[in-house]
Amino acid sequence: MRLVDEYLAALETTDAVRILALFTDDATVDSPLYGIVPARDFYPRLFRDTAQSRLTLRSVMLGQTTDGRPTVAFWFDFDWTLSDGTRAPFTVVDVAELDEEERIETLHILYDTAPLRAGFEALSG
């Protein structure tokens, strides 16, 4: 799916302009580490906290919400290196709620933060 390919490519290259083009203007991201924030604020902060990332797609699942809105879920490995050099790899499922133009309105990021929380909190102060 083009949306998922473009999202992962922009995420891996820390390209905020490219990734935000996939979202509606008022989109939000629900992240286990950063909380619920506007997408326009989330990605610049994530990219400041990132020295490097390597992503490996496992699967893409298409569906819809109970009220019929399209969704796409993508499961991938995120080999994340924090800006201070700490490695923080994890496996994640992102669930995107889409508008009629297949732009992301809400992105729910789901993963276990326990293995990487200490390194992230040390970075965040």
PDB file of N, CA and C in Angstrom:
ATOM      1  N   MET A   1       0.853  -1.185   0.000  1.00  0.00           N
ATOM      2  CA  MET A   1       0.000   0.000   0.000  1.00  0.00           C
ATOM      3  C   MET A   1       0.889   1.235   0.000  1.00  0.00           C
ATOM      4  N   ARG A   2       0.606   2.150  -0.906  1.00  0.00           N
ATOM      5  CA  ARG A   2       1.409   3.351  -1.086  1.00  0.00           C
ATOM      6  C   ARG A   2       1.543   4.165   0.190  1.00  0.00           C
ATOM      7  N   LEU A   3       0.460   4.350   0.936  1.00  0.00           N
ATOM      8  CA  LEU A   3       0.501   5.136   2.171  1.00  0.00           C
ATOM      9  C   LEU A   3       1.502   4.552   3.157  1.00  0.00           C
ATOM     10  N   VAL A   4       1.469   3.261   3.352  1.00  0.00           N
ATOM     11  CA  VAL A   4       2.371   2.612   4.300  1.00  0.00           C
ATOM     12  C   VAL A   4       3.813   2.717   3.806  1.00  0.00           C
ATOM     13  N   ASP A   5       4.043   2.457   2.529  1.00  0.00           N
ATOM     14  CA  ASP A   5       5.405   2.558   1.982  1.00  0.00           C
ATOM     15  C   ASP A   5       5.954   3.970   2.156  1.00  0.00           C
ATOM     16  N   GLU A   6       5.156   4.956   1.853  1.00  0.00           N
ATOM     17  CA  GLU A   6       5.589   6.355   1.966  1.00  0.00           C
ATOM     18  C   GLU A   6       5.820   6.736   3.423  1.00  0.00           C
ATOM     19  N   TYR A   7       4.928   6.305   4.303  1.00  0.00           N
ATOM     20  CA  TYR A   7       5.069   6.594   5.731  1.00  0.00           C
ATOM     21  C   TYR A   7       6.376   6.011   6.273  1.00  0.00           C
ATOM     22  N   LEU A   8       6.637   4.739   5.994  1.00  0.00           N
ATOM     23  CA  LEU A   8       7.837   4.091   6.518  1.00  0.00           C
ATOM     24  C   LEU A   8       9.106   4.705   5.933  1.00  0.00           C
ATOM     25  N   ALA A   9       9.088   5.065   4.661  1.00  0.00           N
ATOM     26  CA  ALA A   9      10.252   5.704   4.048  1.00  0.00           C
ATOM     27  C   ALA A   9      10.534   7.055   4.694  1.00  0.00           C
ATOM     28  N   ALA A  10       9.498   7.841   4.932  1.00  0.00           N
ATOM     29  CA  ALA A  10       9.667   9.154   5.565  1.00  0.00           C
ATOM     30  C   ALA A  10      10.105   9.009   7.015  1.00  0.00           C
ATOM     31  N   LEU A  11       9.563   8.017   7.705  1.00  0.00           N
ATOM     32  CA  LEU A  11       9.944   7.771   9.100  1.00  0.00           C
ATOM     33  C   LEU A  11      11.412   7.361   9.189  1.00  0.00           C
ATOM     34  N   GLU A  12      11.832   6.498   8.311  1.00  0.00           N
ATOM     35  CA  GLU A  12      13.208   5.999   8.354  1.00  0.00           C
ATOM     36  C   GLU A  12      14.223   7.096   8.021  1.00  0.00           C
ATOM     37  N   THR A  13      13.841   8.023   7.154  1.00  0.00           N
ATOM     38  CA  THR A  13      14.758   9.104   6.756  1.00  0.00           C
ATOM     39  C   THR A  13      14.546  10.378   7.571  1.00  0.00           C
ATOM     40  N   THR A  14      13.691  10.312   8.577  1.00  0.00           N
ATOM     41  CA  THR A  14      13.356  11.456   9.455  1.00  0.00           C
ATOM     42  C   THR A  14      12.993  12.705   8.651  1.00  0.00           C
ATOM     43  N   ASP A  15      12.117  12.522   7.687  1.00  0.00           N
ATOM     44  CA  ASP A  15      11.678  13.604   6.816  1.00  0.00           C
ATOM     45  C   ASP A  15      10.297  14.090   7.272  1.00  0.00           C
ATOM     46  N   ALA A  16      10.277  15.125   8.101  1.00  0.00           N
ATOM     47  CA  ALA A  16       9.025  15.622   8.688  1.00  0.00           C
ATOM     48  C   ALA A  16       8.073  16.160   7.627  1.00  0.00           C
ATOM     49  N   VAL A  17       8.579  16.875   6.649  1.00  0.00           N
ATOM     50  CA  VAL A  17       7.709  17.431   5.603  1.00  0.00           C
ATOM     51  C   VAL A  17       7.032  16.296   4.838  1.00  0.00           C
ATOM     52  N   ARG A  18       7.797  15.306   4.483  1.00  0.00           N
ATOM     53  CA  ARG A  18       7.275  14.171   3.715  1.00  0.00           C
ATOM     54  C   ARG A  18       6.240  13.397   4.516  1.00  0.00           C
ATOM     55  N   ILE A  19       6.516  13.155   5.792  1.00  0.00           N
ATOM     56  CA  ILE A  19       5.580  12.358   6.596  1.00  0.00           C
ATOM     57  C   ILE A  19       4.313  13.154   6.893  1.00  0.00           C
ATOM     58  N   LEU A  20       4.441  14.449   7.182  1.00  0.00           N
ATOM     59  CA  LEU A  20       3.255  15.237   7.515  1.00  0.00           C
ATOM     60  C   LEU A  20       2.335  15.436   6.318  1.00  0.00           C
ATOM     61  N   ALA A  21       2.849  15.281   5.114  1.00  0.00           N
ATOM     62  CA  ALA A  21       2.004  15.361   3.916  1.00  0.00           C
ATOM     63  C   ALA A  21       0.992  14.220   3.869  1.00  0.00           C
ATOM     64  N   LEU A  22       1.217  13.164   4.648  1.00  0.00           N
ATOM     65  CA  LEU A  22       0.313  12.018   4.691  1.00  0.00           C
ATOM     66  C   LEU A  22      -0.835  12.204   5.680  1.00  0.00           C
ATOM     67  N   PHE A  23      -0.799  13.277   6.461  1.00  0.00           N
ATOM     68  CA  PHE A  23      -1.758  13.536   7.532  1.00  0.00           C
ATOM     69  C   PHE A  23      -2.674  14.706   7.187  1.00  0.00           C
ATOM     70  N   THR A  24      -3.860  14.710   7.798  1.00  0.00           N
ATOM     71  CA  THR A  24      -4.720  15.880   7.718  1.00  0.00           C
ATOM     72  C   THR A  24      -4.090  16.990   8.564  1.00  0.00           C
ATOM     73  N   ASP A  25      -4.525  18.216   8.360  1.00  0.00           N
ATOM     74  CA  ASP A  25      -3.940  19.351   9.082  1.00  0.00           C
ATOM     75  C   ASP A  25      -4.120  19.252  10.593  1.00  0.00           C
ATOM     76  N   ASP A  26      -5.211  18.640  11.035  1.00  0.00           N
ATOM     77  CA  ASP A  26      -5.506  18.566  12.472  1.00  0.00           C
ATOM     78  C   ASP A  26      -5.295  17.153  13.046  1.00  0.00           C
ATOM     79  N   ALA A  27      -4.513  16.345  12.361  1.00  0.00           N
ATOM     80  CA  ALA A  27      -4.292  14.953  12.772  1.00  0.00           C
ATOM     81  C   ALA A  27      -3.588  14.871  14.124  1.00  0.00           C
ATOM     82  N   THR A  28      -3.872  13.772  14.831  1.00  0.00           N
ATOM     83  CA  THR A  28      -3.199  13.505  16.102  1.00  0.00           C
ATOM     84  C   THR A  28      -2.497  12.162  16.052  1.00  0.00           C
ATOM     85  N   VAL A  29      -1.482  12.046  16.916  1.00  0.00           N
ATOM     86  CA  VAL A  29      -0.750  10.798  17.087  1.00  0.00           C
ATOM     87  C   VAL A  29      -0.886  10.398  18.547  1.00  0.00           C
ATOM     88  N   ASP A  30      -1.250   9.150  18.789  1.00  0.00           N
ATOM     89  CA  ASP A  30      -1.393   8.591  20.136  1.00  0.00           C
ATOM     90  C   ASP A  30      -0.214   7.648  20.342  1.00  0.00           C
ATOM     91  N   SER A  31       0.802   8.138  21.078  1.00  0.00           N
ATOM     92  CA  SER A  31       2.054   7.410  21.249  1.00  0.00           C
ATOM     93  C   SER A  31       2.249   6.980  22.692  1.00  0.00           C
ATOM     94  N   PRO A  32       2.738   5.753  22.926  1.00  0.00           N
ATOM     95  CA  PRO A  32       2.968   5.301  24.300  1.00  0.00           C
ATOM     96  C   PRO A  32       4.043   6.102  25.039  1.00  0.00           C
ATOM     97  N   LEU A  33       4.989   6.693  24.319  1.00  0.00           N
ATOM     98  CA  LEU A  33       6.039   7.472  24.973  1.00  0.00           C
ATOM     99  C   LEU A  33       5.756   8.968  25.014  1.00  0.00           C
ATOM    100  N   TYR A  34       5.137   9.504  23.984  1.00  0.00           N
ATOM    101  CA  TYR A  34       4.950  10.948  23.871  1.00  0.00           C
ATOM    102  C   TYR A  34       3.544  11.424  24.226  1.00  0.00           C
ATOM    103  N   GLY A  35       2.598  10.496  24.355  1.00  0.00           N
ATOM    104  CA  GLY A  35       1.216  10.863  24.649  1.00  0.00           C
ATOM    105  C   GLY A  35       0.429  11.162  23.388  1.00  0.00           C
ATOM    106  N   ILE A  36      -0.712  11.814  23.557  1.00  0.00           N
ATOM    107  CA  ILE A  36      -1.556  12.207  22.427  1.00  0.00           C
ATOM    108  C   ILE A  36      -1.193  13.641  22.066  1.00  0.00           C
ATOM    109  N   VAL A  37      -0.645  13.806  20.872  1.00  0.00           N
ATOM    110  CA  VAL A  37      -0.169  15.119  20.434  1.00  0.00           C
ATOM    111  C   VAL A  37      -0.522  15.340  18.966  1.00  0.00           C
ATOM    112  N   PRO A  38      -0.601  16.596  18.549  1.00  0.00           N
ATOM    113  CA  PRO A  38      -0.789  16.854  17.128  1.00  0.00           C
ATOM    114  C   PRO A  38       0.361  16.260  16.323  1.00  0.00           C
ATOM    115  N   ALA A  39       0.056  15.694  15.171  1.00  0.00           N
ATOM    116  CA  ALA A  39       1.090  15.100  14.322  1.00  0.00           C
ATOM    117  C   ALA A  39       2.164  16.122  13.986  1.00  0.00           C
ATOM    118  N   ARG A  40       1.771  17.375  13.767  1.00  0.00           N
ATOM    119  CA  ARG A  40       2.736  18.421  13.396  1.00  0.00           C
ATOM    120  C   ARG A  40       3.759  18.686  14.501  1.00  0.00           C
ATOM    121  N   ASP A  41       3.427  18.320  15.751  1.00  0.00           N
ATOM    122  CA  ASP A  41       4.369  18.461  16.863  1.00  0.00           C
ATOM    123  C   ASP A  41       5.115  17.154  17.138  1.00  0.00           C
ATOM    124  N   PHE A  42       4.431  16.026  16.933  1.00  0.00           N
ATOM    125  CA  PHE A  42       5.013  14.728  17.247  1.00  0.00           C
ATOM    126  C   PHE A  42       6.257  14.418  16.423  1.00  0.00           C
ATOM    127  N   TYR A  43       6.164  14.541  15.098  1.00  0.00           N
ATOM    128  CA  TYR A  43       7.270  14.095  14.251  1.00  0.00           C
ATOM    129  C   TYR A  43       8.534  14.930  14.412  1.00  0.00           C
ATOM    130  N   PRO A  44       8.465  16.255  14.481  1.00  0.00           N
ATOM    131  CA  PRO A  44       9.705  16.996  14.752  1.00  0.00           C
ATOM    132  C   PRO A  44      10.351  16.588  16.085  1.00  0.00           C
ATOM    133  N   ARG A  45       9.547  16.341  17.105  1.00  0.00           N
ATOM    134  CA  ARG A  45      10.119  15.911  18.388  1.00  0.00           C
ATOM    135  C   ARG A  45      10.726  14.515  18.279  1.00  0.00           C
ATOM    136  N   LEU A  46      10.004  13.577  17.662  1.00  0.00           N
ATOM    137  CA  LEU A  46      10.540  12.231  17.463  1.00  0.00           C
ATOM    138  C   LEU A  46      11.855  12.282  16.702  1.00  0.00           C
ATOM    139  N   PHE A  47      11.903  13.080  15.644  1.00  0.00           N
ATOM    140  CA  PHE A  47      13.100  13.134  14.812  1.00  0.00           C
ATOM    141  C   PHE A  47      14.269  13.806  15.539  1.00  0.00           C
ATOM    142  N   ARG A  48      14.007  14.741  16.436  1.00  0.00           N
ATOM    143  CA  ARG A  48      15.076  15.312  17.276  1.00  0.00           C
ATOM    144  C   ARG A  48      15.656  14.252  18.207  1.00  0.00           C
ATOM    145  N   ASP A  49      14.812  13.315  18.640  1.00  0.00           N
ATOM    146  CA  ASP A  49      15.232  12.257  19.557  1.00  0.00           C
ATOM    147  C   ASP A  49      15.861  11.067  18.840  1.00  0.00           C
ATOM    148  N   THR A  50      15.978  11.133  17.524  1.00  0.00           N
ATOM    149  CA  THR A  50      16.432  10.002  16.711  1.00  0.00           C
ATOM    150  C   THR A  50      17.783  10.284  16.065  1.00  0.00           C
ATOM    151  N   ALA A  51      18.741   9.384  16.302  1.00  0.00           N
ATOM    152  CA  ALA A  51      20.012   9.448  15.579  1.00  0.00           C
ATOM    153  C   ALA A  51      19.909   8.626  14.300  1.00  0.00           C
ATOM    154  N   GLN A  52      19.197   7.505  14.385  1.00  0.00           N
ATOM    155  CA  GLN A  52      19.061   6.608  13.233  1.00  0.00           C
ATOM    156  C   GLN A  52      17.890   5.673  13.470  1.00  0.00           C
ATOM    157  N   SER A  53      17.264   5.257  12.385  1.00  0.00           N
ATOM    158  CA  SER A  53      16.232   4.221  12.489  1.00  0.00           C
ATOM    159  C   SER A  53      16.260   3.369  11.230  1.00  0.00           C
ATOM    160  N   ARG A  54      15.986   2.097  11.438  1.00  0.00           N
ATOM    161  CA  ARG A  54      15.877   1.144  10.341  1.00  0.00           C
ATOM    162  C   ARG A  54      14.571   0.396  10.548  1.00  0.00           C
ATOM    163  N   LEU A  55      13.750   0.349   9.527  1.00  0.00           N
ATOM    164  CA  LEU A  55      12.411  -0.222   9.641  1.00  0.00           C
ATOM    165  C   LEU A  55      12.267  -1.437   8.732  1.00  0.00           C
ATOM    166  N   THR A  56      11.584  -2.452   9.254  1.00  0.00           N
ATOM    167  CA  THR A  56      11.322  -3.660   8.479  1.00  0.00           C
ATOM    168  C   THR A  56       9.841  -3.987   8.587  1.00  0.00           C
ATOM    169  N   LEU A  57       9.132  -3.854   7.488  1.00  0.00           N
ATOM    170  CA  LEU A  57       7.698  -4.131   7.453  1.00  0.00           C
ATOM    171  C   LEU A  57       7.439  -5.614   7.578  1.00  0.00           C
ATOM    172  N   ARG A  58       6.478  -5.986   8.433  1.00  0.00           N
ATOM    173  CA  ARG A  58       6.071  -7.386   8.594  1.00  0.00           C
ATOM    174  C   ARG A  58       4.736  -7.667   7.905  1.00  0.00           C
ATOM    175  N   SER A  59       3.763  -6.743   8.051  1.00  0.00           N
ATOM    176  CA  SER A  59       2.429  -7.001   7.504  1.00  0.00           C
ATOM    177  C   SER A  59       1.631  -5.707   7.439  1.00  0.00           C
ATOM    178  N   VAL A  60       0.668  -5.684   6.518  1.00  0.00           N
ATOM    179  CA  VAL A  60      -0.290  -4.582   6.392  1.00  0.00           C
ATOM    180  C   VAL A  60      -1.681  -5.185   6.445  1.00  0.00           C
ATOM    181  N   MET A  61      -2.564  -4.579   7.244  1.00  0.00           N
ATOM    182  CA  MET A  61      -3.933  -5.050   7.395  1.00  0.00           C
ATOM    183  C   MET A  61      -4.900  -3.901   7.119  1.00  0.00           C
ATOM    184  N   LEU A  62      -5.890  -4.131   6.284  1.00  0.00           N
ATOM    185  CA  LEU A  62      -6.876  -3.110   5.947  1.00  0.00           C
ATOM    186  C   LEU A  62      -8.196  -3.426   6.634  1.00  0.00           C
ATOM    187  N   GLY A  63      -8.893  -2.382   7.024  1.00  0.00           N
ATOM    188  CA  GLY A  63     -10.184  -2.578   7.672  1.00  0.00           C
ATOM    189  C   GLY A  63     -10.956  -1.283   7.722  1.00  0.00           C
ATOM    190  N   GLN A  64     -11.891  -1.241   8.671  1.00  0.00           N
ATOM    191  CA  GLN A  64     -12.666  -0.024   8.873  1.00  0.00           C
ATOM    192  C   GLN A  64     -13.156   0.031  10.310  1.00  0.00           C
ATOM    193  N   THR A  65     -13.416   1.268  10.754  1.00  0.00           N
ATOM    194  CA  THR A  65     -13.945   1.458  12.096  1.00  0.00           C
ATOM    195  C   THR A  65     -15.394   0.983  12.130  1.00  0.00           C
ATOM    196  N   THR A  66     -15.978   0.925  13.304  1.00  0.00           N
ATOM    197  CA  THR A  66     -17.369   0.492  13.420  1.00  0.00           C
ATOM    198  C   THR A  66     -18.322   1.437  12.712  1.00  0.00           C
ATOM    199  N   ASP A  67     -17.893   2.695  12.491  1.00  0.00           N
ATOM    200  CA  ASP A  67     -18.763   3.617  11.752  1.00  0.00           C
ATOM    201  C   ASP A  67     -18.402   3.680  10.264  1.00  0.00           C
ATOM    202  N   GLY A  68     -17.567   2.739   9.796  1.00  0.00           N
ATOM    203  CA  GLY A  68     -17.312   2.596   8.373  1.00  0.00           C
ATOM    204  C   GLY A  68     -16.139   3.376   7.815  1.00  0.00           C
ATOM    205  N   ARG A  69     -15.387   4.068   8.651  1.00  0.00           N
ATOM    206  CA  ARG A  69     -14.232   4.824   8.153  1.00  0.00           C
ATOM    207  C   ARG A  69     -13.063   3.869   7.888  1.00  0.00           C
ATOM    208  N   PRO A  70     -12.303   4.102   6.820  1.00  0.00           N
ATOM    209  CA  PRO A  70     -11.205   3.193   6.490  1.00  0.00           C
ATOM    210  C   PRO A  70     -10.056   3.275   7.504  1.00  0.00           C
ATOM    211  N   THR A  71      -9.437   2.128   7.751  1.00  0.00           N
ATOM    212  CA  THR A  71      -8.261   2.050   8.612  1.00  0.00           C
ATOM    213  C   THR A  71      -7.214   1.171   7.930  1.00  0.00           C
ATOM    214  N   VAL A  72      -5.983   1.413   8.295  1.00  0.00           N
ATOM    215  CA  VAL A  72      -4.884   0.553   7.870  1.00  0.00           C
ATOM    216  C   VAL A  72      -3.989   0.359   9.092  1.00  0.00           C
ATOM    217  N   ALA A  73      -3.612  -0.889   9.318  1.00  0.00           N
ATOM    218  CA  ALA A  73      -2.687  -1.209  10.404  1.00  0.00           C
ATOM    219  C   ALA A  73      -1.443  -1.809   9.772  1.00  0.00           C
ATOM    220  N   PHE A  74      -0.291  -1.391  10.265  1.00  0.00           N
ATOM    221  CA  PHE A  74       0.946  -1.939   9.746  1.00  0.00           C
ATOM    222  C   PHE A  74       1.855  -2.304  10.899  1.00  0.00           C
ATOM    223  N   TRP A  75       2.391  -3.507  10.792  1.00  0.00           N
ATOM    224  CA  TRP A  75       3.212  -4.137  11.819  1.00  0.00           C
ATOM    225  C   TRP A  75       4.642  -4.135  11.304  1.00  0.00           C
ATOM    226  N   PHE A  76       5.552  -3.554  12.096  1.00  0.00           N
ATOM    227  CA  PHE A  76       6.924  -3.466  11.635  1.00  0.00           C
ATOM    228  C   PHE A  76       7.912  -3.454  12.791  1.00  0.00           C
ATOM    229  N   ASP A  77       9.168  -3.772  12.458  1.00  0.00           N
ATOM    230  CA  ASP A  77      10.257  -3.684  13.410  1.00  0.00           C
ATOM    231  C   ASP A  77      10.875  -2.303  13.280  1.00  0.00           C
ATOM    232  N   PHE A  78      11.075  -1.644  14.404  1.00  0.00           N
ATOM    233  CA  PHE A  78      11.651  -0.300  14.445  1.00  0.00           C
ATOM    234  C   PHE A  78      12.981  -0.417  15.187  1.00  0.00           C
ATOM    235  N   ASP A  79      14.067  -0.458  14.438  1.00  0.00           N
ATOM    236  CA  ASP A  79      15.408  -0.514  15.025  1.00  0.00           C
ATOM    237  C   ASP A  79      15.835   0.934  15.248  1.00  0.00           C
ATOM    238  N   TRP A  80      15.526   1.451  16.438  1.00  0.00           N
ATOM    239  CA  TRP A  80      15.661   2.871  16.766  1.00  0.00           C
ATOM    240  C   TRP A  80      16.946   3.102  17.541  1.00  0.00           C
ATOM    241  N   THR A  81      17.691   4.118  17.145  1.00  0.00           N
ATOM    242  CA  THR A  81      18.834   4.590  17.912  1.00  0.00           C
ATOM    243  C   THR A  81      18.522   6.020  18.332  1.00  0.00           C
ATOM    244  N   LEU A  82      18.509   6.242  19.641  1.00  0.00           N
ATOM    245  CA  LEU A  82      18.203   7.567  20.174  1.00  0.00           C
ATOM    246  C   LEU A  82      19.319   8.548  19.846  1.00  0.00           C
ATOM    247  N   SER A  83      19.045   9.833  19.969  1.00  0.00           N
ATOM    248  CA  SER A  83      20.014  10.859  19.600  1.00  0.00           C
ATOM    249  C   SER A  83      21.298  10.803  20.421  1.00  0.00           C
ATOM    250  N   ASP A  84      21.253  10.166  21.602  1.00  0.00           N
ATOM    251  CA  ASP A  84      22.465  10.037  22.412  1.00  0.00           C
ATOM    252  C   ASP A  84      23.223   8.740  22.120  1.00  0.00           C
ATOM    253  N   GLY A  85      22.767   7.969  21.116  1.00  0.00           N
ATOM    254  CA  GLY A  85      23.428   6.733  20.730  1.00  0.00           C
ATOM    255  C   GLY A  85      22.862   5.474  21.361  1.00  0.00           C
ATOM    256  N   THR A  86      21.925   5.603  22.285  1.00  0.00           N
ATOM    257  CA  THR A  86      21.304   4.443  22.927  1.00  0.00           C
ATOM    258  C   THR A  86      20.435   3.699  21.927  1.00  0.00           C
ATOM    259  N   ARG A  87      20.613   2.389  21.824  1.00  0.00           N
ATOM    260  CA  ARG A  87      19.764   1.566  20.959  1.00  0.00           C
ATOM    261  C   ARG A  87      18.461   1.261  21.693  1.00  0.00           C
ATOM    262  N   ALA A  88      17.364   1.363  20.981  1.00  0.00           N
ATOM    263  CA  ALA A  88      16.043   1.128  21.572  1.00  0.00           C
ATOM    264  C   ALA A  88      15.135   0.445  20.550  1.00  0.00           C
ATOM    265  N   PRO A  89      15.478  -0.767  20.108  1.00  0.00           N
ATOM    266  CA  PRO A  89      14.663  -1.448  19.100  1.00  0.00           C
ATOM    267  C   PRO A  89      13.362  -1.997  19.694  1.00  0.00           C
ATOM    268  N   PHE A  90      12.327  -2.021  18.866  1.00  0.00           N
ATOM    269  CA  PHE A  90      11.054  -2.587  19.285  1.00  0.00           C
ATOM    270  C   PHE A  90      10.240  -2.993  18.071  1.00  0.00           C
ATOM    271  N   THR A  91       9.219  -3.808  18.300  1.00  0.00           N
ATOM    272  CA  THR A  91       8.248  -4.182  17.278  1.00  0.00           C
ATOM    273  C   THR A  91       6.971  -3.418  17.571  1.00  0.00           C
ATOM    274  N   VAL A  92       6.337  -2.899  16.540  1.00  0.00           N
ATOM    275  CA  VAL A  92       5.230  -1.964  16.709  1.00  0.00           C
ATOM    276  C   VAL A  92       4.118  -2.243  15.694  1.00  0.00           C
ATOM    277  N   VAL A  93       2.899  -1.907  16.094  1.00  0.00           N
ATOM    278  CA  VAL A  93       1.766  -1.861  15.179  1.00  0.00           C
ATOM    279  C   VAL A  93       1.235  -0.437  15.210  1.00  0.00           C
ATOM    280  N   ASP A  94       1.172   0.186  14.059  1.00  0.00           N
ATOM    281  CA  ASP A  94       0.548   1.505  13.913  1.00  0.00           C
ATOM    282  C   ASP A  94      -0.819   1.294  13.275  1.00  0.00           C
ATOM    283  N   VAL A  95      -1.833   1.915  13.853  1.00  0.00           N
ATOM    284  CA  VAL A  95      -3.186   1.835  13.312  1.00  0.00           C
ATOM    285  C   VAL A  95      -3.597   3.246  12.897  1.00  0.00           C
ATOM    286  N   ALA A  96      -3.840   3.421  11.606  1.00  0.00           N
ATOM    287  CA  ALA A  96      -4.178   4.729  11.059  1.00  0.00           C
ATOM    288  C   ALA A  96      -5.652   4.790  10.695  1.00  0.00           C
ATOM    289  N   GLU A  97      -6.340   5.783  11.244  1.00  0.00           N
ATOM    290  CA  GLU A  97      -7.713   6.089  10.836  1.00  0.00           C
ATOM    291  C   GLU A  97      -7.618   7.123   9.725  1.00  0.00           C
ATOM    292  N   LEU A  98      -8.262   6.843   8.583  1.00  0.00           N
ATOM    293  CA  LEU A  98      -8.098   7.658   7.387  1.00  0.00           C
ATOM    294  C   LEU A  98      -9.344   8.479   7.068  1.00  0.00           C
ATOM    295  N   ASP A  99      -9.122   9.599   6.369  1.00  0.00           N
ATOM    296  CA  ASP A  99     -10.250  10.373   5.856  1.00  0.00           C
ATOM    297  C   ASP A  99     -10.601   9.860   4.459  1.00  0.00           C
ATOM    298  N   GLU A 100     -11.520  10.529   3.767  1.00  0.00           N
ATOM    299  CA  GLU A 100     -11.983  10.089   2.449  1.00  0.00           C
ATOM    300  C   GLU A 100     -10.867  10.123   1.408  1.00  0.00           C
ATOM    301  N   GLU A 101      -9.855  10.964   1.628  1.00  0.00           N
ATOM    302  CA  GLU A 101      -8.744  11.091   0.680  1.00  0.00           C
ATOM    303  C   GLU A 101      -7.557  10.204   1.071  1.00  0.00           C
ATOM    304  N   GLU A 102      -7.790   9.289   2.009  1.00  0.00           N
ATOM    305  CA  GLU A 102      -6.770   8.367   2.515  1.00  0.00           C
ATOM    306  C   GLU A 102      -5.601   9.092   3.173  1.00  0.00           C
ATOM    307  N   ARG A 103      -5.908  10.212   3.818  1.00  0.00           N
ATOM    308  CA  ARG A 103      -4.927  10.899   4.653  1.00  0.00           C
ATOM    309  C   ARG A 103      -5.192  10.484   6.096  1.00  0.00           C
ATOM    310  N   ILE A 104      -4.153  10.444   6.899  1.00  0.00           N
ATOM    311  CA  ILE A 104      -4.270   9.980   8.277  1.00  0.00           C
ATOM    312  C   ILE A 104      -4.870  11.074   9.154  1.00  0.00           C
ATOM    313  N   GLU A 105      -5.970  10.738   9.824  1.00  0.00           N
ATOM    314  CA  GLU A 105      -6.584  11.655  10.794  1.00  0.00           C
ATOM    315  C   GLU A 105      -6.080  11.381  12.206  1.00  0.00           C
ATOM    316  N   THR A 106      -5.973  10.104  12.539  1.00  0.00           N
ATOM    317  CA  THR A 106      -5.472   9.690  13.851  1.00  0.00           C
ATOM    318  C   THR A 106      -4.571   8.479  13.651  1.00  0.00           C
ATOM    319  N   LEU A 107      -3.410   8.520  14.306  1.00  0.00           N
ATOM    320  CA  LEU A 107      -2.497   7.389  14.267  1.00  0.00           C
ATOM    321  C   LEU A 107      -2.307   6.881  15.687  1.00  0.00           C
ATOM    322  N   HIS A 108      -2.625   5.611  15.895  1.00  0.00           N
ATOM    323  CA  HIS A 108      -2.448   4.958  17.193  1.00  0.00           C
ATOM    324  C   HIS A 108      -1.201   4.081  17.086  1.00  0.00           C
ATOM    325  N   ILE A 109      -0.214   4.336  17.933  1.00  0.00           N
ATOM    326  CA  ILE A 109       1.034   3.590  17.920  1.00  0.00           C
ATOM    327  C   ILE A 109       1.020   2.639  19.108  1.00  0.00           C
ATOM    328  N   LEU A 110       1.200   1.336  18.849  1.00  0.00           N
ATOM    329  CA  LEU A 110       1.058   0.317  19.882  1.00  0.00           C
ATOM    330  C   LEU A 110       2.324  -0.529  19.990  1.00  0.00           C
ATOM    331  N   TYR A 111       2.991  -0.448  21.153  1.00  0.00           N
ATOM    332  CA  TYR A 111       4.141  -1.304  21.416  1.00  0.00           C
ATOM    333  C   TYR A 111       4.440  -1.294  22.907  1.00  0.00           C
ATOM    334  N   ASP A 112       5.239  -2.263  23.339  1.00  0.00           N
ATOM    335  CA  ASP A 112       5.644  -2.388  24.733  1.00  0.00           C
ATOM    336  C   ASP A 112       6.832  -1.458  24.976  1.00  0.00           C
ATOM    337  N   THR A 113       6.656  -0.467  25.833  1.00  0.00           N
ATOM    338  CA  THR A 113       7.723   0.499  26.100  1.00  0.00           C
ATOM    339  C   THR A 113       8.687   0.049  27.189  1.00  0.00           C
ATOM    340  N   ALA A 114       8.378  -1.018  27.909  1.00  0.00           N
ATOM    341  CA  ALA A 114       9.207  -1.430  29.051  1.00  0.00           C
ATOM    342  C   ALA A 114      10.685  -1.605  28.689  1.00  0.00           C
ATOM    343  N   PRO A 115      11.021  -2.278  27.584  1.00  0.00           N
ATOM    344  CA  PRO A 115      12.438  -2.490  27.298  1.00  0.00           C
ATOM    345  C   PRO A 115      13.222  -1.216  26.963  1.00  0.00           C
ATOM    346  N   LEU A 116      12.543  -0.157  26.525  1.00  0.00           N
ATOM    347  CA  LEU A 116      13.259   1.039  26.110  1.00  0.00           C
ATOM    348  C   LEU A 116      12.959   2.276  26.942  1.00  0.00           C
ATOM    349  N   ARG A 117      12.066   2.190  27.894  1.00  0.00           N
ATOM    350  CA  ARG A 117      11.646   3.365  28.648  1.00  0.00           C
ATOM    351  C   ARG A 117      12.795   4.032  29.402  1.00  0.00           C
ATOM    352  N   ALA A 118      13.682   3.265  30.044  1.00  0.00           N
ATOM    353  CA  ALA A 118      14.768   3.859  30.827  1.00  0.00           C
ATOM    354  C   ALA A 118      15.681   4.713  29.935  1.00  0.00           C
ATOM    355  N   GLY A 119      16.045   4.190  28.774  1.00  0.00           N
ATOM    356  CA  GLY A 119      16.889   4.963  27.852  1.00  0.00           C
ATOM    357  C   GLY A 119      16.200   6.195  27.334  1.00  0.00           C
ATOM    358  N   PHE A 120      14.908   6.085  27.037  1.00  0.00           N
ATOM    359  CA  PHE A 120      14.147   7.227  26.562  1.00  0.00           C
ATOM    360  C   PHE A 120      14.029   8.293  27.639  1.00  0.00           C
ATOM    361  N   GLU A 121      13.724   7.873  28.872  1.00  0.00           N
ATOM    362  CA  GLU A 121      13.581   8.832  29.961  1.00  0.00           C
ATOM    363  C   GLU A 121      14.905   9.511  30.293  1.00  0.00           C
ATOM    364  N   ALA A 122      16.013   8.802  30.181  1.00  0.00           N
ATOM    365  CA  ALA A 122      17.336   9.419  30.393  1.00  0.00           C
ATOM    366  C   ALA A 122      17.602  10.484  29.328  1.00  0.00           C
ATOM    367  N   LEU A 123      17.185  10.223  28.103  1.00  0.00           N
ATOM    368  CA  LEU A 123      17.343  11.180  27.022  1.00  0.00           C
ATOM    369  C   LEU A 123      16.474  12.407  27.241  1.00  0.00           C
ATOM    370  N   SER A 124      15.228  12.178  27.683  1.00  0.00           N
ATOM    371  CA  SER A 124      14.256  13.257  27.849  1.00  0.00           C
ATOM    372  C   SER A 124      14.489  14.078  29.097  1.00  0.00           C
ATOM    373  N   GLY A 125      15.290  13.550  30.021  1.00  0.00           N
ATOM    374  CA  GLY A 125      15.614  14.279  31.246  1.00  0.00           C
ATOM    375  C   GLY A 125      14.519  14.208  32.210  1.00  0.00           C
TER     376      GLY A 125
END
